[in-house]
Structures are given as structure tokens and as C-alpha cells.
């Protein structure tokens, strides 16, 4: 299990497309999702759990 953070930024439709591509290509469980908007741009922060991935040692 490895917890990772992904940030998607851009126009709403671009960010939505990037998020959909990421979720289709990765086997993850979304733990938390936050969104902020500025004008017509959006930032989405996604904290995910990647099952089967061993976390880095030394932390």
C-alpha cells in the first residue's frame, strides 16, 4: 500500500479529461479529493492509495 498525492490543474474540461485518463490507467482507491477554482481554471488535489505498491523504505 502506498499513499500518493496527485494534482490536476487547468481548464475544467482539461482537468476532467486528465483525471479520467489517470483513473482509467491506474488501479487506485481515492481517499480524499479537494477542488479549488479561480476564474475558469480548476485545481483538483487527489490523495490515492495504490494497492500492491510497497512504500519507500527509510521514512
Protein backbone atom coordinates (compact mmCIF):
# COMPACT_ATOMS: atom_id res chain seq x y z
CA UNK A 1 0.00 0.00 0.00
CA UNK A 2 1.33 3.43 -0.96
CA UNK A 3 -0.43 6.73 -0.41
CA UNK A 4 0.22 9.28 -3.13
CA UNK A 5 -0.96 12.80 -3.94
CA UNK A 6 -1.85 13.88 -7.49
CA UNK A 7 -2.68 17.43 -8.53
CA UNK A 8 -4.57 18.25 -11.71
CA UNK A 9 -4.74 21.87 -12.93
CA UNK A 10 -6.18 23.62 -15.96
CA UNK A 11 -9.42 24.46 -17.64
CA UNK A 12 -12.31 22.44 -16.24
CA UNK A 13 -12.70 20.15 -19.26
CA UNK A 14 -8.91 19.60 -19.50
CA UNK A 15 -8.63 18.71 -15.81
CA UNK A 16 -11.63 16.39 -16.08
CA UNK A 17 -10.05 14.63 -19.05
CA UNK A 18 -6.71 14.24 -17.23
CA UNK A 19 -8.44 12.84 -14.13
CA UNK A 20 -10.43 10.35 -16.22
CA UNK A 21 -7.26 9.20 -18.03
CA UNK A 22 -5.43 8.77 -14.70
CA UNK A 23 -8.26 6.77 -13.13
CA UNK A 24 -8.63 4.57 -16.23
CA UNK A 25 -4.90 3.78 -16.34
CA UNK A 26 -4.25 3.26 -12.62
CA UNK A 27 -5.66 0.90 -10.06
CA UNK A 28 -6.16 3.28 -7.13
CA UNK A 29 -8.58 3.92 -4.31
CA UNK A 30 -9.40 7.62 -3.86
CA UNK A 31 -9.01 8.57 -0.19
CA UNK A 32 -9.60 12.32 -0.43
CA UNK A 33 -10.48 14.83 -3.13
CA UNK A 34 -10.33 18.62 -2.89
CA UNK A 35 -11.08 21.24 -5.51
CA UNK A 36 -10.48 24.96 -5.87
CA UNK A 37 -11.43 27.32 -8.66
CA UNK A 38 -10.02 30.58 -9.97
CA UNK A 39 -11.83 32.15 -12.90
CA UNK A 40 -12.29 29.40 -15.47
CA UNK A 41 -9.40 27.29 -14.14
CA UNK A 42 -9.62 24.50 -11.60
CA UNK A 43 -7.18 22.67 -9.33
CA UNK A 44 -8.04 19.20 -8.08
CA UNK A 45 -5.94 17.52 -5.41
CA UNK A 46 -6.46 13.79 -5.14
CA UNK A 47 -4.98 11.60 -2.41
CA UNK A 48 -4.96 7.98 -3.52
CA UNK A 49 -3.96 4.58 -2.20
CA UNK A 50 -2.11 2.41 -4.72
CA UNK A 51 -2.68 -1.20 -3.65
CA UNK A 52 0.20 -3.54 -4.29
CA UNK A 53 2.82 -0.77 -4.29
CA UNK A 54 5.32 -1.00 -1.48
CA UNK A 55 6.10 2.34 0.17
CA UNK A 56 9.68 3.64 0.06
CA UNK A 57 11.79 2.48 2.96
CA UNK A 58 13.54 4.90 5.26
CA UNK A 59 10.53 7.04 6.08
